């Protein structure tokens, strides 16, 4: 059973030096995790204790730069919910050590609500000490774990250069925030459409390209005894894209995609061995992999063809596998981009609506 999430659980590039260069950060400790993207926006998510019920998750989001507030959301476990759910309470009360800290309205469809500024401040303080944190509705209680929160919130401060400043969450100081790391702009990628199937080269060329690999890469064992015919598209004059299934597991699969010349010696260059979808008109490759068979956590990655290469434009997970929601509780990206789609195509955001 192949899962990509364990590899993503480690920091892509960690520490203050990497964050200063705009690198993405992924870090987790116990029941909390952190994802900072390439603009230096950081998202910290916490959950109920592993194995406990009912499921609940809190998300803190903070943009980089001076004087940026921390926004907070809470979502109640709704893994089995399809559409509007009468069982989802209209609101819950946040309690810290049995003391009420205000009510939070929840969406009926997603059981998610925004925390007020005072609630965010109270929660951030409580998570740095031993506290009992719960969201209460009638006789029901959703308990949030604080284990790992202090380490994750400190890592957020480090990634944004706030340690020792008045705006730090964990290690506050007297320094102002004028010198904290600034936000970085999203990279802009202009997508180029891949010609329609009618312009596809012959499949014999795809087979020749794959044979030029000489041996199946370790990441693509199915090439040794292929059970499916490869696919091929023309990317540009003299350049083709070839695809073949690389691996099949219990709940995931991955296809290899190679850019190659259309004449020998071909020189194929792999884009990825884990692709799950290709949208030629959008010039977009996509991988979506489950963290486990239940489908309560996913990892995703996207590449966009810019006319010369497939540029990585998005990388994200949907959080820990804690049975919070089908597909996962949140979007926790480490790579974001502004993709300008080819004329006449819809953006990824439009397709998701």
Protein backbone atom coordinates (compact mmCIF):
# COMPACT_ATOMS: atom_id res chain seq x y z
CA UNK A 1 0.00 0.00 0.00
CA UNK A 2 1.90 3.04 -1.23
CA UNK A 3 1.36 6.35 0.57
CA UNK A 4 3.10 9.65 -0.17
CA UNK A 5 2.20 11.32 3.12
CA UNK A 6 4.96 9.84 5.30
CA UNK A 7 7.59 11.43 3.07
CA UNK A 8 5.79 14.74 3.19
CA UNK A 9 5.75 14.63 6.99
CA UNK A 10 9.39 15.72 7.06
CA UNK A 11 10.45 19.31 6.42
CA UNK A 12 11.16 20.05 2.78
CA UNK A 13 13.58 22.72 3.91
CA UNK A 14 13.58 23.65 7.57
CA UNK A 15 15.03 26.17 9.96
CA UNK A 16 15.43 29.92 9.92
CA UNK A 17 18.00 30.02 7.12
CA UNK A 18 15.76 28.09 4.72
CA UNK A 19 12.73 30.22 5.58
CA UNK A 20 14.80 33.36 4.98
CA UNK A 21 15.37 32.15 1.41
CA UNK A 22 11.64 31.70 0.90
CA UNK A 23 11.76 27.91 1.14
CA UNK A 24 8.70 25.93 2.14
CA UNK A 25 8.53 24.37 5.59
CA UNK A 26 6.63 21.32 6.76
CA UNK A 27 6.90 20.21 10.38
CA UNK A 28 4.82 18.14 12.75
CA UNK A 29 4.96 17.19 16.40
CA UNK A 30 2.49 14.91 18.15
CA UNK A 31 -1.06 16.18 17.45
CA UNK A 32 -0.03 19.38 15.64
CA UNK A 33 1.51 20.21 12.28
CA UNK A 34 2.81 23.23 10.39
CA UNK A 35 2.93 24.09 6.68
CA UNK A 36 4.51 27.32 5.45
CA UNK A 37 4.32 27.99 1.73
CA UNK A 38 6.72 29.80 -0.59
CA UNK A 39 5.07 33.17 0.15
CA UNK A 40 5.89 32.56 3.86
CA UNK A 41 2.23 32.25 4.83
CA UNK A 42 2.09 29.67 7.61
CA UNK A 43 -0.75 27.38 8.65
CA UNK A 44 -0.75 25.41 11.91
CA UNK A 45 -3.34 22.69 12.46
CA UNK A 46 -4.15 20.73 15.60
CA UNK A 47 -6.45 17.78 16.23
CA UNK A 48 -7.94 15.57 18.91
CA UNK A 49 -5.56 13.04 20.44
CA UNK A 50 -4.71 10.25 18.04
CA UNK A 51 -7.35 7.54 18.35
CA UNK A 52 -9.74 9.71 20.37
CA UNK A 53 -13.31 10.61 19.41
CA UNK A 54 -15.09 12.74 18.39
CA UNK A 55 -12.83 14.32 15.78
CA UNK A 56 -12.07 18.05 15.80
CA UNK A 57 -9.45 20.30 14.26
CA UNK A 58 -8.32 23.91 14.64
CA UNK A 59 -6.41 25.85 11.98
CA UNK A 60 -4.33 28.99 12.58
CA UNK A 61 -3.24 30.99 9.53
CA UNK A 62 -0.78 33.90 9.51
CA UNK A 63 0.66 35.79 6.57
CA UNK A 64 4.28 36.92 6.67
CA UNK A 65 5.32 40.49 7.36
CA UNK A 66 4.93 42.93 10.25
CA UNK A 67 1.70 43.33 12.22
CA UNK A 68 -0.10 40.40 10.64
CA UNK A 69 -2.95 38.91 12.71
CA UNK A 70 -3.47 35.21 13.35
CA UNK A 71 -6.77 33.94 11.95
CA UNK A 72 -8.42 30.84 13.39
CA UNK A 73 -11.00 28.26 12.31
CA UNK A 74 -12.49 25.17 13.91
CA UNK A 75 -14.11 22.21 12.22
CA UNK A 76 -15.95 19.32 13.84
CA UNK A 77 -15.54 15.78 12.59
CA UNK A 78 -17.91 15.18 9.67
CA UNK A 79 -16.25 12.30 7.80
CA UNK A 80 -19.57 10.48 7.25
CA UNK A 81 -21.56 13.60 6.37
CA UNK A 82 -22.90 14.07 2.84
CA UNK A 83 -24.39 17.52 2.26
CA UNK A 84 -26.44 19.31 4.90
CA UNK A 85 -26.34 17.50 8.22
CA UNK A 86 -29.04 18.22 10.83
CA UNK A 87 -26.78 16.65 13.48
CA UNK A 88 -24.18 19.42 13.13
CA UNK A 89 -24.85 21.99 15.85
CA UNK A 90 -25.53 25.52 14.70
CA UNK A 91 -22.92 26.74 17.16
CA UNK A 92 -20.45 25.53 19.76
CA UNK A 93 -18.95 27.17 22.83
CA UNK A 94 -15.19 27.26 23.20
CA UNK A 95 -14.15 26.34 26.73
CA UNK A 96 -10.66 26.52 28.24
CA UNK A 97 -10.28 24.73 31.58
CA UNK A 98 -14.10 24.64 31.77
CA UNK A 99 -14.33 28.43 31.35
CA UNK A 100 -16.46 29.58 28.39
CA UNK A 101 -14.67 31.80 25.87
CA UNK A 102 -17.53 32.65 23.53
CA UNK A 103 -19.64 30.94 20.90
CA UNK A 104 -18.74 30.00 17.35
CA UNK A 105 -21.27 29.62 14.54
CA UNK A 106 -20.79 26.59 12.30
CA UNK A 107 -21.65 26.01 8.67
CA UNK A 108 -24.30 23.32 8.29
CA UNK A 109 -22.58 21.71 5.31
CA UNK A 110 -18.99 21.62 6.56
CA UNK A 111 -19.29 22.03 10.37
CA UNK A 112 -16.66 24.78 10.18
CA UNK A 113 -16.64 28.19 11.84
CA UNK A 114 -14.38 31.22 12.30
CA UNK A 115 -12.83 32.01 15.66
CA UNK A 116 -13.04 35.56 16.93
CA UNK A 117 -9.87 37.55 17.65
CA UNK A 118 -10.31 37.17 21.43
CA UNK A 119 -10.84 33.42 21.04
CA UNK A 120 -7.69 33.12 18.93
CA UNK A 121 -5.64 34.96 21.57
CA UNK A 122 -7.06 32.83 24.38
CA UNK A 123 -6.43 29.60 22.48
CA UNK A 124 -2.84 30.52 21.58
CA UNK A 125 -2.10 31.25 25.22
CA UNK A 126 -3.77 28.06 26.45
CA UNK A 127 -1.87 25.91 23.97
CA UNK A 128 1.43 26.99 25.54
CA UNK A 129 0.52 25.46 28.90
CA UNK A 130 -1.30 22.38 30.09
CA UNK A 131 -4.95 23.18 29.45
CA UNK A 132 -8.19 21.36 28.73
CA UNK A 133 -9.64 22.79 25.53
CA UNK A 134 -13.06 21.77 24.27
CA UNK A 135 -15.83 22.86 21.95
CA UNK A 136 -19.18 22.20 23.59
CA UNK A 137 -22.76 21.91 22.30
CA UNK A 138 -25.37 20.57 24.70
CA UNK A 139 -23.97 17.37 26.16
CA UNK A 140 -21.42 16.89 23.36
CA UNK A 141 -17.74 17.82 23.76
CA UNK A 142 -15.03 17.92 21.10
CA UNK A 143 -11.66 17.96 22.88
CA UNK A 144 -8.66 19.57 21.19
CA UNK A 145 -5.23 18.20 22.06
CA UNK A 146 -2.51 20.66 23.01
CA UNK A 147 0.28 18.10 22.66
CA UNK A 148 2.82 19.38 20.17
CA UNK A 149 1.22 22.82 19.82
CA UNK A 150 3.97 24.85 21.51
CA UNK A 151 6.69 23.32 19.30
CA UNK A 152 4.66 23.91 16.13
CA UNK A 153 3.77 27.50 17.03
CA UNK A 154 7.42 28.23 17.86
CA UNK A 155 8.40 26.84 14.47
CA UNK A 156 5.87 29.19 12.89
CA UNK A 157 7.48 32.15 14.66
CA UNK A 158 10.92 31.01 13.51
CA UNK A 159 9.82 30.60 9.89
CA UNK A 160 8.45 34.15 9.82
CA UNK A 161 11.33 35.69 11.81
CA UNK A 162 9.16 36.77 14.74
CA UNK A 163 11.08 35.21 17.66
CA UNK A 164 11.95 37.93 20.19
CA UNK A 165 9.45 40.42 18.77
CA UNK A 166 6.26 41.74 20.31
CA UNK A 167 4.30 39.88 17.62
CA UNK A 168 5.71 36.42 18.39
CA UNK A 169 3.25 33.78 19.51
CA UNK A 170 5.59 31.80 21.76
CA UNK A 171 8.88 33.59 22.48
CA UNK A 172 7.82 37.20 22.74
CA UNK A 173 10.32 40.02 23.19
CA UNK A 174 10.50 43.78 23.15
CA UNK A 175 11.65 44.18 19.57
CA UNK A 176 9.28 45.63 17.01
CA UNK A 177 8.24 43.72 13.93
CA UNK A 178 9.86 46.03 11.40
CA UNK A 179 12.60 43.48 10.78
CA UNK A 180 10.48 40.33 10.43
CA UNK A 181 10.64 38.47 7.16
CA UNK A 182 8.43 40.02 4.50
CA UNK A 183 5.81 38.19 2.49
CA UNK A 184 6.96 36.93 -0.91
CA UNK A 185 4.92 37.19 -4.09
CA UNK A 186 3.49 34.08 -5.69
CA UNK A 187 5.45 33.02 -8.77
CA UNK A 188 3.48 33.59 -11.97
CA UNK A 189 3.36 30.73 -14.47
CA UNK A 190 1.75 31.10 -17.90
CA UNK A 191 0.29 27.79 -18.98
CA UNK A 192 0.52 26.61 -22.58
CA UNK A 193 -2.06 24.16 -23.92
CA UNK A 194 -0.88 20.84 -25.31
CA UNK A 195 -2.24 20.12 -28.84
CA UNK A 196 -5.37 17.96 -29.09
CA UNK A 197 -5.22 14.20 -29.59
CA UNK A 198 -5.44 14.60 -33.35
CA UNK A 199 -1.89 15.90 -33.35
CA UNK A 200 -0.55 12.99 -31.27
CA UNK A 201 2.51 11.16 -32.63
CA UNK A 202 2.28 7.40 -33.32
CA UNK A 203 2.34 5.05 -30.34
CA UNK A 204 5.39 3.34 -31.80
CA UNK A 205 7.31 6.48 -30.87
CA UNK A 206 6.10 6.20 -27.27
CA UNK A 207 7.37 2.62 -27.11
CA UNK A 208 10.71 3.67 -28.58
CA UNK A 209 11.07 6.43 -25.98
CA UNK A 210 10.37 4.03 -23.12
CA UNK A 211 12.78 1.44 -24.53
CA UNK A 212 15.48 4.11 -24.55
CA UNK A 213 15.32 4.13 -20.74
CA UNK A 214 17.20 0.79 -20.99
CA UNK A 215 15.91 -0.36 -17.61
CA UNK A 216 12.82 0.36 -15.53
CA UNK A 217 13.51 2.95 -12.82
CA UNK A 218 13.00 1.70 -9.26
CA UNK A 219 10.14 4.20 -8.96
CA UNK A 220 8.43 2.69 -11.99
CA UNK A 221 8.41 -1.10 -11.55
CA UNK A 222 5.45 -1.67 -13.89
CA UNK A 223 7.64 -0.78 -16.88
CA UNK A 224 9.30 -4.18 -16.49
CA UNK A 225 6.09 -5.97 -17.51
CA UNK A 226 3.65 -3.30 -18.75
CA UNK A 227 -0.03 -4.21 -18.71
CA UNK A 228 -1.23 -1.04 -20.47
CA UNK A 229 -0.19 0.70 -23.66
CA UNK A 230 1.68 3.99 -23.18
CA UNK A 231 0.22 7.35 -24.17
CA UNK A 232 1.91 10.12 -26.11
CA UNK A 233 1.27 13.81 -26.89
CA UNK A 234 3.18 16.36 -28.92
CA UNK A 235 4.35 19.23 -26.73
CA UNK A 236 6.21 21.30 -29.32
CA UNK A 237 8.16 20.79 -32.55
CA UNK A 238 10.66 18.03 -31.86
CA UNK A 239 9.35 17.38 -28.33
CA UNK A 240 6.82 14.83 -27.02
CA UNK A 241 5.30 13.79 -23.71
CA UNK A 242 5.09 10.06 -22.97
CA UNK A 243 3.12 8.42 -20.17
CA UNK A 244 3.02 4.88 -18.77
CA UNK A 245 1.71 3.35 -15.59
CA UNK A 246 4.47 3.00 -13.02
CA UNK A 247 2.85 1.42 -9.99
CA UNK A 248 -0.46 0.27 -8.57
CA UNK A 249 -1.16 -0.10 -4.85
CA UNK A 250 -4.22 -0.87 -2.74
CA UNK A 251 -5.69 2.63 -2.91
CA UNK A 252 -3.25 4.67 -5.00
CA UNK A 253 -1.68 4.51 -8.44
CA UNK A 254 0.99 6.48 -10.23
CA UNK A 255 1.84 7.15 -13.88
CA UNK A 256 5.23 8.22 -15.10
CA UNK A 257 5.45 11.20 -17.46
CA UNK A 258 8.58 11.86 -19.52
CA UNK A 259 9.51 14.73 -21.84
CA UNK A 260 11.55 13.43 -24.78
CA UNK A 261 12.76 14.24 -28.25
CA UNK A 262 10.82 12.77 -31.17
CA UNK A 263 13.94 11.30 -32.76
CA UNK A 264 16.65 9.02 -31.41
CA UNK A 265 18.37 9.15 -28.98
CA UNK A 266 15.17 10.65 -27.39
CA UNK A 267 16.81 11.44 -24.00
CA UNK A 268 13.62 11.17 -21.88
CA UNK A 269 13.48 13.37 -18.77
CA UNK A 270 11.01 12.36 -16.08
CA UNK A 271 8.54 14.86 -14.64
CA UNK A 272 7.13 12.50 -12.00
CA UNK A 273 6.36 8.83 -11.39
CA UNK A 274 3.23 9.60 -9.35
CA UNK A 275 0.91 11.50 -11.73
CA UNK A 276 -2.79 10.63 -11.63
CA UNK A 277 -4.27 12.98 -14.24
CA UNK A 278 -3.29 15.06 -17.27
CA UNK A 279 -5.37 17.89 -18.73
CA UNK A 280 -3.82 18.71 -22.13
CA UNK A 281 -5.96 21.78 -22.85
CA UNK A 282 -4.89 23.28 -19.52
CA UNK A 283 -1.30 22.06 -19.86
CA UNK A 284 -1.63 20.60 -16.37
CA UNK A 285 -0.37 17.45 -14.64
CA UNK A 286 -1.88 16.49 -11.29
CA UNK A 287 -1.26 13.92 -8.61
CA UNK A 288 -3.73 13.14 -5.83
CA UNK A 289 -2.74 10.39 -3.43
CA UNK A 290 -4.53 9.08 -0.36
CA UNK A 291 -2.64 8.89 2.92
CA UNK A 292 -4.66 5.76 3.70
CA UNK A 293 -7.59 3.83 2.31
CA UNK A 294 -10.20 5.70 4.33
CA UNK A 295 -9.49 8.81 2.26
CA UNK A 296 -9.49 11.22 5.21
CA UNK A 297 -6.12 12.69 4.20
CA UNK A 298 -4.63 13.48 0.79
CA UNK A 299 -1.46 14.82 -0.75
CA UNK A 300 -1.58 16.76 -4.02
CA UNK A 301 0.87 18.23 -6.47
CA UNK A 302 0.47 20.07 -9.77
CA UNK A 303 2.75 20.96 -12.68
CA UNK A 304 1.99 23.33 -15.56
CA UNK A 305 3.51 23.23 -19.06
CA UNK A 306 4.94 26.67 -19.88
CA UNK A 307 6.10 25.80 -23.38
CA UNK A 308 9.54 24.65 -22.25
CA UNK A 309 9.05 22.49 -19.16
CA UNK A 310 6.49 21.34 -16.60
CA UNK A 311 6.80 23.83 -13.75
CA UNK A 312 5.77 22.72 -10.23
CA UNK A 313 2.96 25.12 -9.28
CA UNK A 314 1.23 23.60 -6.26
CA UNK A 315 2.06 21.15 -3.48
CA UNK A 316 -0.21 20.52 -0.53
CA UNK A 317 -1.68 18.06 1.93
CA UNK A 318 -5.08 18.07 3.61
CA UNK A 319 -3.70 17.46 7.09
CA UNK A 320 -3.35 14.49 9.38
CA UNK A 321 -5.34 11.29 8.97
CA UNK A 322 -7.70 11.91 11.89
CA UNK A 323 -11.16 11.13 10.46
CA UNK A 324 -12.14 14.81 10.49
CA UNK A 325 -13.54 14.98 6.96
CA UNK A 326 -13.61 13.01 3.73
CA UNK A 327 -10.59 14.21 1.78
CA UNK A 328 -9.08 15.86 4.85
CA UNK A 329 -9.71 18.78 7.16
CA UNK A 330 -7.73 21.63 5.55
CA UNK A 331 -5.56 22.73 2.65
CA UNK A 332 -1.97 22.99 3.93
CA UNK A 333 0.15 24.06 0.95
CA UNK A 334 3.92 24.35 0.84
CA UNK A 335 3.93 25.60 -2.77
CA UNK A 336 1.48 28.06 -4.32
CA UNK A 337 1.54 29.87 -7.66
CA UNK A 338 -0.54 32.17 -9.79
CA UNK A 339 -1.25 30.20 -12.95
CA UNK A 340 -2.36 32.13 -16.02
CA UNK A 341 -4.43 29.57 -17.96
CA UNK A 342 -4.36 29.19 -21.73
CA UNK A 343 -7.02 31.24 -23.46
CA UNK A 344 -10.44 29.60 -23.33
CA UNK A 345 -9.71 27.30 -20.39
CA UNK A 346 -10.89 27.47 -16.80
CA UNK A 347 -8.56 27.92 -13.87
CA UNK A 348 -8.07 25.21 -11.25
CA UNK A 349 -10.06 27.33 -8.78
CA UNK A 350 -12.98 27.61 -11.21
CA UNK A 351 -13.02 23.85 -11.75
CA UNK A 352 -13.14 23.23 -8.01
CA UNK A 353 -16.26 25.36 -7.54
